[in-house]
């Protein structure tokens, strides 16, 4: 996979297909392959006539790892995404982020509105504003010596996922302690892009998608039936809804 480096940060990315570009930003403890290639998103969007760009966020995948929480944060990672667009010479793109990636996408749309045409927030609703829980049990679980020693259910699930993806657990712990910046209702209302909010009906992490949509001037909700936070990303309803959104000339 190609990489680029700026200010001592190396970012790995993929760039496939031709046509209107879309930038994909993965969720916490995932990477561009797990979040977007394996569930078929890259192939789907390329076949739909799009140029697909997906990056490994810092601390994840093949990108640079850091162990100080100050090196992370969704606004910081949004700047990595913006720099990738600069590197590729892309002025304006569609963007889709999942979970943490949706939060990063929101900061990208807020801080660089001219760079984001349409944006899809997957796996994150009003939790973007209210927060999605205490990060410390997850960070502590990632730092624990053994999976079987972890009592917290959510922390145990993220630890197991990090092991499955062969991630750097200490880098993820640092990221977890800094990546969940809330965005105020006032700032969310400033997002000028057309927005699709796609959340599983059994997702107990994301928060209400409709409550988030009500804050944004041009937003619609896509409910992903019967899916929770972890499995909604590959769902066929999610995929078709995104294609419909991207191909809607009014969106």
C-alpha atoms as a PDB file:
ATOM      1  CA  UNK A   1       0.000   0.000   0.000  1.00  0.00           C
ATOM      2  CA  UNK A   2       1.251   3.543  -0.715  1.00  0.00           C
ATOM      3  CA  UNK A   3       2.288   5.836   2.133  1.00  0.00           C
ATOM      4  CA  UNK A   4       3.092   9.486   2.581  1.00  0.00           C
ATOM      5  CA  UNK A   5       4.862  11.284   5.413  1.00  0.00           C
ATOM      6  CA  UNK A   6       4.442  14.763   6.814  1.00  0.00           C
ATOM      7  CA  UNK A   7       5.747  16.220  10.087  1.00  0.00           C
ATOM      8  CA  UNK A   8       7.078  12.813  11.122  1.00  0.00           C
ATOM      9  CA  UNK A   9       3.751  11.032  10.672  1.00  0.00           C
ATOM     10  CA  UNK A  10       3.563   8.267   8.076  1.00  0.00           C
ATOM     11  CA  UNK A  11       0.078   7.529   6.780  1.00  0.00           C
ATOM     12  CA  UNK A  12      -0.726   4.368   4.819  1.00  0.00           C
ATOM     13  CA  UNK A  13      -3.589   4.482   2.347  1.00  0.00           C
ATOM     14  CA  UNK A  14      -5.195   2.765  -0.625  1.00  0.00           C
ATOM     15  CA  UNK A  15      -6.297   4.472  -3.813  1.00  0.00           C
ATOM     16  CA  UNK A  16      -8.339   2.442  -6.280  1.00  0.00           C
ATOM     17  CA  UNK A  17     -10.701   3.081  -9.185  1.00  0.00           C
ATOM     18  CA  UNK A  18     -11.595   6.108 -11.257  1.00  0.00           C
ATOM     19  CA  UNK A  19     -14.388   8.635 -11.128  1.00  0.00           C
ATOM     20  CA  UNK A  20     -15.773  10.858  -8.385  1.00  0.00           C
ATOM     21  CA  UNK A  21     -13.551  10.410  -5.307  1.00  0.00           C
ATOM     22  CA  UNK A  22     -14.755   9.209  -1.920  1.00  0.00           C
ATOM     23  CA  UNK A  23     -12.587   9.122   1.203  1.00  0.00           C
ATOM     24  CA  UNK A  24     -13.223   6.326   3.728  1.00  0.00           C
ATOM     25  CA  UNK A  25     -12.215   6.780   7.387  1.00  0.00           C
ATOM     26  CA  UNK A  26     -12.308   3.672   9.582  1.00  0.00           C
ATOM     27  CA  UNK A  27     -13.336   3.179  13.180  1.00  0.00           C
ATOM     28  CA  UNK A  28     -11.356   2.651  16.382  1.00  0.00           C
ATOM     29  CA  UNK A  29      -9.120  -0.459  16.533  1.00  0.00           C
ATOM     30  CA  UNK A  30      -9.893  -1.210  12.891  1.00  0.00           C
ATOM     31  CA  UNK A  31      -7.972  -0.312   9.729  1.00  0.00           C
ATOM     32  CA  UNK A  32      -8.627   0.348   6.061  1.00  0.00           C
ATOM     33  CA  UNK A  33      -8.666  -3.351   5.211  1.00  0.00           C
ATOM     34  CA  UNK A  34     -10.842  -4.616   8.069  1.00  0.00           C
ATOM     35  CA  UNK A  35     -13.331  -1.752   7.858  1.00  0.00           C
ATOM     36  CA  UNK A  36     -13.559  -1.247   4.110  1.00  0.00           C
ATOM     37  CA  UNK A  37     -11.880  -3.941   2.008  1.00  0.00           C
ATOM     38  CA  UNK A  38     -13.017  -7.148   3.726  1.00  0.00           C
ATOM     39  CA  UNK A  39     -16.721  -6.137   3.963  1.00  0.00           C
ATOM     40  CA  UNK A  40     -16.685  -5.335   0.239  1.00  0.00           C
ATOM     41  CA  UNK A  41     -17.000  -1.556   0.379  1.00  0.00           C
ATOM     42  CA  UNK A  42     -13.998  -0.808  -1.818  1.00  0.00           C
ATOM     43  CA  UNK A  43     -15.093  -3.184  -4.585  1.00  0.00           C
ATOM     44  CA  UNK A  44     -18.693  -1.952  -4.350  1.00  0.00           C
ATOM     45  CA  UNK A  45     -17.760   1.703  -4.719  1.00  0.00           C
ATOM     46  CA  UNK A  46     -15.191   1.088  -7.455  1.00  0.00           C
ATOM     47  CA  UNK A  47     -17.815  -0.864  -9.418  1.00  0.00           C
ATOM     48  CA  UNK A  48     -20.155   2.082  -8.914  1.00  0.00           C
ATOM     49  CA  UNK A  49     -17.682   4.191 -10.878  1.00  0.00           C
ATOM     50  CA  UNK A  50     -15.855   5.890  -8.021  1.00  0.00           C
ATOM     51  CA  UNK A  51     -12.282   6.526  -7.016  1.00  0.00           C
ATOM     52  CA  UNK A  52     -11.951   5.071  -3.526  1.00  0.00           C
ATOM     53  CA  UNK A  53      -9.353   6.360  -1.067  1.00  0.00           C
ATOM     54  CA  UNK A  54      -9.051   4.872   2.420  1.00  0.00           C
ATOM     55  CA  UNK A  55      -6.414   5.596   5.044  1.00  0.00           C
ATOM     56  CA  UNK A  56      -5.110   3.911   8.152  1.00  0.00           C
ATOM     57  CA  UNK A  57      -5.586   6.467  10.926  1.00  0.00           C
ATOM     58  CA  UNK A  58      -2.480   7.175  12.998  1.00  0.00           C
ATOM     59  CA  UNK A  59      -2.068   4.488  15.649  1.00  0.00           C
ATOM     60  CA  UNK A  60      -3.779   1.953  13.397  1.00  0.00           C
ATOM     61  CA  UNK A  61      -2.898  -0.460  10.616  1.00  0.00           C
ATOM     62  CA  UNK A  62       0.306   0.420   8.784  1.00  0.00           C
ATOM     63  CA  UNK A  63       0.407   4.084   9.829  1.00  0.00           C
ATOM     64  CA  UNK A  64       2.664   5.608  12.502  1.00  0.00           C
ATOM     65  CA  UNK A  65       2.086   4.593  16.128  1.00  0.00           C
ATOM     66  CA  UNK A  66       2.304   6.971  19.076  1.00  0.00           C
ATOM     67  CA  UNK A  67       1.966   6.293  22.799  1.00  0.00           C
ATOM     68  CA  UNK A  68       1.075   9.759  24.103  1.00  0.00           C
ATOM     69  CA  UNK A  69      -2.629  10.655  24.043  1.00  0.00           C
ATOM     70  CA  UNK A  70      -1.642  14.174  23.002  1.00  0.00           C
ATOM     71  CA  UNK A  71      -0.611  12.757  19.605  1.00  0.00           C
ATOM     72  CA  UNK A  72      -4.196  11.743  18.870  1.00  0.00           C
ATOM     73  CA  UNK A  73      -7.666  13.262  18.963  1.00  0.00           C
ATOM     74  CA  UNK A  74     -10.313  13.375  16.244  1.00  0.00           C
ATOM     75  CA  UNK A  75      -9.381  16.935  15.121  1.00  0.00           C
ATOM     76  CA  UNK A  76      -5.738  15.848  14.756  1.00  0.00           C
ATOM     77  CA  UNK A  77      -6.700  12.783  12.735  1.00  0.00           C
ATOM     78  CA  UNK A  78      -8.997  14.924  10.591  1.00  0.00           C
ATOM     79  CA  UNK A  79      -5.914  16.930   9.647  1.00  0.00           C
ATOM     80  CA  UNK A  80      -4.195  13.684   8.580  1.00  0.00           C
ATOM     81  CA  UNK A  81      -7.153  13.073   6.260  1.00  0.00           C
ATOM     82  CA  UNK A  82      -6.953  16.619   4.909  1.00  0.00           C
ATOM     83  CA  UNK A  83      -3.228  16.222   4.286  1.00  0.00           C
ATOM     84  CA  UNK A  84      -3.898  13.028   2.371  1.00  0.00           C
ATOM     85  CA  UNK A  85      -6.278  14.954   0.127  1.00  0.00           C
ATOM     86  CA  UNK A  86      -3.556  17.570  -0.353  1.00  0.00           C
ATOM     87  CA  UNK A  87      -1.025  14.840  -1.157  1.00  0.00           C
ATOM     88  CA  UNK A  88      -3.343  13.404  -3.804  1.00  0.00           C
ATOM     89  CA  UNK A  89      -4.249  16.821  -5.203  1.00  0.00           C
ATOM     90  CA  UNK A  90      -7.948  16.423  -4.435  1.00  0.00           C
ATOM     91  CA  UNK A  91      -9.847  19.608  -3.709  1.00  0.00           C
ATOM     92  CA  UNK A  92     -13.266  18.243  -2.757  1.00  0.00           C
ATOM     93  CA  UNK A  93     -14.477  14.692  -2.052  1.00  0.00           C
ATOM     94  CA  UNK A  94     -17.340  12.710  -0.611  1.00  0.00           C
ATOM     95  CA  UNK A  95     -16.450  11.270   2.798  1.00  0.00           C
ATOM     96  CA  UNK A  96     -17.681   8.250   4.758  1.00  0.00           C
ATOM     97  CA  UNK A  97     -16.555   7.506   8.287  1.00  0.00           C
ATOM     98  CA  UNK A  98     -17.594   4.729  10.641  1.00  0.00           C
ATOM     99  CA  UNK A  99     -17.794   5.185  14.432  1.00  0.00           C
ATOM    100  CA  UNK A 100     -14.591   7.057  15.399  1.00  0.00           C
ATOM    101  CA  UNK A 101     -14.195   7.654  11.682  1.00  0.00           C
ATOM    102  CA  UNK A 102     -17.559   9.439  11.638  1.00  0.00           C
ATOM    103  CA  UNK A 103     -16.343  11.758  14.393  1.00  0.00           C
ATOM    104  CA  UNK A 104     -13.158  12.432  12.414  1.00  0.00           C
ATOM    105  CA  UNK A 105     -15.279  13.074   9.311  1.00  0.00           C
ATOM    106  CA  UNK A 106     -17.359  15.613  11.234  1.00  0.00           C
ATOM    107  CA  UNK A 107     -14.263  17.558  12.252  1.00  0.00           C
ATOM    108  CA  UNK A 108     -13.030  17.428   8.655  1.00  0.00           C
ATOM    109  CA  UNK A 109     -16.361  18.833   7.438  1.00  0.00           C
ATOM    110  CA  UNK A 110     -16.381  21.518  10.139  1.00  0.00           C
ATOM    111  CA  UNK A 111     -12.790  22.671   9.789  1.00  0.00           C
ATOM    112  CA  UNK A 112     -12.498  22.307   6.006  1.00  0.00           C
ATOM    113  CA  UNK A 113     -16.019  22.686   4.605  1.00  0.00           C
ATOM    114  CA  UNK A 114     -14.717  23.338   1.100  1.00  0.00           C
ATOM    115  CA  UNK A 115     -13.094  19.888   1.022  1.00  0.00           C
ATOM    116  CA  UNK A 116     -16.188  17.818   1.876  1.00  0.00           C
ATOM    117  CA  UNK A 117     -19.061  17.568  -0.612  1.00  0.00           C
ATOM    118  CA  UNK A 118     -21.299  14.962   1.062  1.00  0.00           C
ATOM    119  CA  UNK A 119     -20.596  13.043   4.239  1.00  0.00           C
ATOM    120  CA  UNK A 120     -21.850   9.748   5.630  1.00  0.00           C
ATOM    121  CA  UNK A 121     -21.735   9.212   9.388  1.00  0.00           C
ATOM    122  CA  UNK A 122     -21.847   5.452   9.924  1.00  0.00           C
ATOM    123  CA  UNK A 123     -22.290   3.975  13.393  1.00  0.00           C
ATOM    124  CA  UNK A 124     -22.568   7.331  15.158  1.00  0.00           C
ATOM    125  CA  UNK A 125     -25.668   9.357  15.946  1.00  0.00           C
ATOM    126  CA  UNK A 126     -26.237  11.789  18.807  1.00  0.00           C
ATOM    127  CA  UNK A 127     -23.282  10.183  20.575  1.00  0.00           C
ATOM    128  CA  UNK A 128     -21.245  12.620  18.491  1.00  0.00           C
ATOM    129  CA  UNK A 129     -22.623  15.319  20.823  1.00  0.00           C
ATOM    130  CA  UNK A 130     -23.333  13.491  24.086  1.00  0.00           C
ATOM    131  CA  UNK A 131     -20.327  11.182  24.054  1.00  0.00           C
ATOM    132  CA  UNK A 132     -20.297   7.409  23.881  1.00  0.00           C
ATOM    133  CA  UNK A 133     -19.150   6.410  27.348  1.00  0.00           C
ATOM    134  CA  UNK A 134     -16.065   6.370  29.538  1.00  0.00           C
ATOM    135  CA  UNK A 135     -12.921   5.572  27.514  1.00  0.00           C
ATOM    136  CA  UNK A 136     -10.924   4.338  30.500  1.00  0.00           C
ATOM    137  CA  UNK A 137     -12.319   0.762  30.757  1.00  0.00           C
ATOM    138  CA  UNK A 138     -11.460   0.225  27.091  1.00  0.00           C
ATOM    139  CA  UNK A 139      -8.005   1.786  27.415  1.00  0.00           C
ATOM    140  CA  UNK A 140      -7.286  -0.288  30.533  1.00  0.00           C
ATOM    141  CA  UNK A 141      -8.485  -3.451  28.798  1.00  0.00           C
ATOM    142  CA  UNK A 142      -6.114  -2.792  25.920  1.00  0.00           C
ATOM    143  CA  UNK A 143      -3.238  -2.456  28.398  1.00  0.00           C
ATOM    144  CA  UNK A 144      -4.108  -5.562  30.437  1.00  0.00           C
ATOM    145  CA  UNK A 145      -1.703  -8.486  30.285  1.00  0.00           C
ATOM    146  CA  UNK A 146      -4.367 -11.093  29.519  1.00  0.00           C
ATOM    147  CA  UNK A 147      -7.800 -11.048  27.916  1.00  0.00           C
ATOM    148  CA  UNK A 148      -9.219 -13.336  30.588  1.00  0.00           C
ATOM    149  CA  UNK A 149      -8.365 -10.777  33.303  1.00  0.00           C
ATOM    150  CA  UNK A 150     -10.732  -8.148  31.855  1.00  0.00           C
ATOM    151  CA  UNK A 151     -14.090  -7.850  33.623  1.00  0.00           C
ATOM    152  CA  UNK A 152     -15.594  -4.937  31.684  1.00  0.00           C
ATOM    153  CA  UNK A 153     -17.711  -6.317  28.834  1.00  0.00           C
ATOM    154  CA  UNK A 154     -17.089  -3.498  26.358  1.00  0.00           C
ATOM    155  CA  UNK A 155     -13.394  -3.350  27.187  1.00  0.00           C
ATOM    156  CA  UNK A 156     -13.110  -7.085  26.702  1.00  0.00           C
ATOM    157  CA  UNK A 157     -14.807  -6.856  23.287  1.00  0.00           C
ATOM    158  CA  UNK A 158     -12.471  -4.124  22.070  1.00  0.00           C
ATOM    159  CA  UNK A 159      -9.442  -5.990  23.426  1.00  0.00           C
ATOM    160  CA  UNK A 160     -10.507  -9.135  21.561  1.00  0.00           C
ATOM    161  CA  UNK A 161     -11.032  -7.102  18.385  1.00  0.00           C
ATOM    162  CA  UNK A 162      -7.595  -5.499  18.746  1.00  0.00           C
ATOM    163  CA  UNK A 163      -6.023  -8.940  19.077  1.00  0.00           C
ATOM    164  CA  UNK A 164      -7.964 -10.177  16.065  1.00  0.00           C
ATOM    165  CA  UNK A 165      -6.693  -7.289  13.946  1.00  0.00           C
ATOM    166  CA  UNK A 166      -3.134  -7.693  15.343  1.00  0.00           C
ATOM    167  CA  UNK A 167      -3.155  -4.051  16.397  1.00  0.00           C
ATOM    168  CA  UNK A 168      -0.658  -2.217  18.591  1.00  0.00           C
ATOM    169  CA  UNK A 169      -2.686  -2.278  21.809  1.00  0.00           C
ATOM    170  CA  UNK A 170      -0.689   0.408  23.619  1.00  0.00           C
ATOM    171  CA  UNK A 171      -1.051   2.830  20.715  1.00  0.00           C
ATOM    172  CA  UNK A 172      -4.786   2.140  20.696  1.00  0.00           C
ATOM    173  CA  UNK A 173      -5.004   2.810  24.438  1.00  0.00           C
ATOM    174  CA  UNK A 174      -3.396   6.212  23.929  1.00  0.00           C
ATOM    175  CA  UNK A 175      -5.766   6.920  21.048  1.00  0.00           C
ATOM    176  CA  UNK A 176      -8.811   5.880  23.079  1.00  0.00           C
ATOM    177  CA  UNK A 177      -7.913   8.353  25.819  1.00  0.00           C
ATOM    178  CA  UNK A 178      -8.022  11.285  23.405  1.00  0.00           C
ATOM    179  CA  UNK A 179     -10.139  10.476  20.331  1.00  0.00           C
ATOM    180  CA  UNK A 180     -13.664  10.951  21.681  1.00  0.00           C
ATOM    181  CA  UNK A 181     -13.948  14.734  21.603  1.00  0.00           C
ATOM    182  CA  UNK A 182     -17.575  15.773  21.776  1.00  0.00           C
ATOM    183  CA  UNK A 183     -18.952  18.222  19.233  1.00  0.00           C
ATOM    184  CA  UNK A 184     -21.449  20.775  20.489  1.00  0.00           C
ATOM    185  CA  UNK A 185     -24.959  21.006  19.069  1.00  0.00           C
ATOM    186  CA  UNK A 186     -24.040  24.472  17.805  1.00  0.00           C
ATOM    187  CA  UNK A 187     -21.047  23.150  15.882  1.00  0.00           C
ATOM    188  CA  UNK A 188     -22.965  20.190  14.485  1.00  0.00           C
ATOM    189  CA  UNK A 189     -25.535  22.646  13.173  1.00  0.00           C
ATOM    190  CA  UNK A 190     -22.731  24.385  11.249  1.00  0.00           C
ATOM    191  CA  UNK A 191     -22.040  21.303   9.085  1.00  0.00           C
ATOM    192  CA  UNK A 192     -22.964  22.505   5.626  1.00  0.00           C
ATOM    193  CA  UNK A 193     -22.508  19.267   3.713  1.00  0.00           C
ATOM    194  CA  UNK A 194     -25.401  17.010   2.804  1.00  0.00           C
ATOM    195  CA  UNK A 195     -25.347  14.244   5.434  1.00  0.00           C
ATOM    196  CA  UNK A 196     -26.464  10.623   5.673  1.00  0.00           C
ATOM    197  CA  UNK A 197     -26.523   9.118   9.179  1.00  0.00           C
ATOM    198  CA  UNK A 198     -26.516   5.303   9.054  1.00  0.00           C
ATOM    199  CA  UNK A 199     -26.935   3.428  12.348  1.00  0.00           C
ATOM    200  CA  UNK A 200     -27.978  -0.110  13.223  1.00  0.00           C
ATOM    201  CA  UNK A 201     -31.293  -0.453  15.039  1.00  0.00           C
ATOM    202  CA  UNK A 202     -29.560  -2.549  17.722  1.00  0.00           C
ATOM    203  CA  UNK A 203     -26.575  -0.201  18.073  1.00  0.00           C
ATOM    204  CA  UNK A 204     -26.355   0.730  21.761  1.00  0.00           C
ATOM    205  CA  UNK A 205     -23.196   2.820  21.290  1.00  0.00           C
ATOM    206  CA  UNK A 206     -24.047   5.313  18.535  1.00  0.00           C
ATOM    207  CA  UNK A 207     -26.873   7.312  20.095  1.00  0.00           C
ATOM    208  CA  UNK A 208     -30.003   8.446  18.266  1.00  0.00           C
ATOM    209  CA  UNK A 209     -29.402   9.067  14.539  1.00  0.00           C
ATOM    210  CA  UNK A 210     -32.604  11.122  14.251  1.00  0.00           C
ATOM    211  CA  UNK A 211     -31.630  13.404  17.133  1.00  0.00           C
ATOM    212  CA  UNK A 212     -28.355  14.142  15.356  1.00  0.00           C
ATOM    213  CA  UNK A 213     -30.082  14.634  12.005  1.00  0.00           C
ATOM    214  CA  UNK A 214     -32.478  17.149  13.575  1.00  0.00           C
ATOM    215  CA  UNK A 215     -29.498  19.416  14.300  1.00  0.00           C
ATOM    216  CA  UNK A 216     -28.227  19.455  10.713  1.00  0.00           C
ATOM    217  CA  UNK A 217     -29.809  21.472   7.938  1.00  0.00           C
ATOM    218  CA  UNK A 218     -29.630  18.804   5.246  1.00  0.00           C
ATOM    219  CA  UNK A 219     -29.462  15.358   6.814  1.00  0.00           C
ATOM    220  CA  UNK A 220     -31.295  12.080   6.376  1.00  0.00           C
ATOM    221  CA  UNK A 221     -31.300   8.902   8.459  1.00  0.00           C
ATOM    222  CA  UNK A 222     -30.708   5.347   7.301  1.00  0.00           C
ATOM    223  CA  UNK A 223     -31.722   2.677   9.813  1.00  0.00           C
ATOM    224  CA  UNK A 224     -29.844  -0.613   9.421  1.00  0.00           C
ATOM    225  CA  UNK A 225     -32.355  -3.242  10.624  1.00  0.00           C
ATOM    226  CA  UNK A 226     -31.321  -5.709  13.306  1.00  0.00           C
ATOM    227  CA  UNK A 227     -27.650  -4.734  13.337  1.00  0.00           C
ATOM    228  CA  UNK A 228     -25.499  -3.685  16.276  1.00  0.00           C
ATOM    229  CA  UNK A 229     -22.414  -1.482  16.246  1.00  0.00           C
ATOM    230  CA  UNK A 230     -19.939  -4.196  15.342  1.00  0.00           C
ATOM    231  CA  UNK A 231     -21.731  -5.861  12.430  1.00  0.00           C
ATOM    232  CA  UNK A 232     -23.665  -3.030  10.782  1.00  0.00           C
ATOM    233  CA  UNK A 233     -20.634  -1.946   8.746  1.00  0.00           C
ATOM    234  CA  UNK A 234     -20.969  -4.796   6.233  1.00  0.00           C
ATOM    235  CA  UNK A 235     -24.767  -4.862   6.000  1.00  0.00           C
ATOM    236  CA  UNK A 236     -26.436  -4.871   2.563  1.00  0.00           C
ATOM    237  CA  UNK A 237     -29.041  -2.276   3.619  1.00  0.00           C
ATOM    238  CA  UNK A 238     -26.216   0.068   4.663  1.00  0.00           C
ATOM    239  CA  UNK A 239     -24.439  -0.474   1.356  1.00  0.00           C
ATOM    240  CA  UNK A 240     -27.512   0.089  -0.784  1.00  0.00           C
ATOM    241  CA  UNK A 241     -28.481   3.147   1.233  1.00  0.00           C
ATOM    242  CA  UNK A 242     -25.058   4.670   0.686  1.00  0.00           C
ATOM    243  CA  UNK A 243     -25.193   3.980  -3.059  1.00  0.00           C
ATOM    244  CA  UNK A 244     -28.644   5.549  -3.258  1.00  0.00           C
ATOM    245  CA  UNK A 245     -27.409   8.600  -1.337  1.00  0.00           C
ATOM    246  CA  UNK A 246     -24.319   9.046  -3.511  1.00  0.00           C
ATOM    247  CA  UNK A 247     -26.294   8.624  -6.715  1.00  0.00           C
ATOM    248  CA  UNK A 248     -29.090  10.990  -5.695  1.00  0.00           C
ATOM    249  CA  UNK A 249     -28.511  14.145  -7.724  1.00  0.00           C
ATOM    250  CA  UNK A 250     -30.363  16.145  -5.100  1.00  0.00           C
ATOM    251  CA  UNK A 251     -28.076  14.973  -2.267  1.00  0.00           C
END
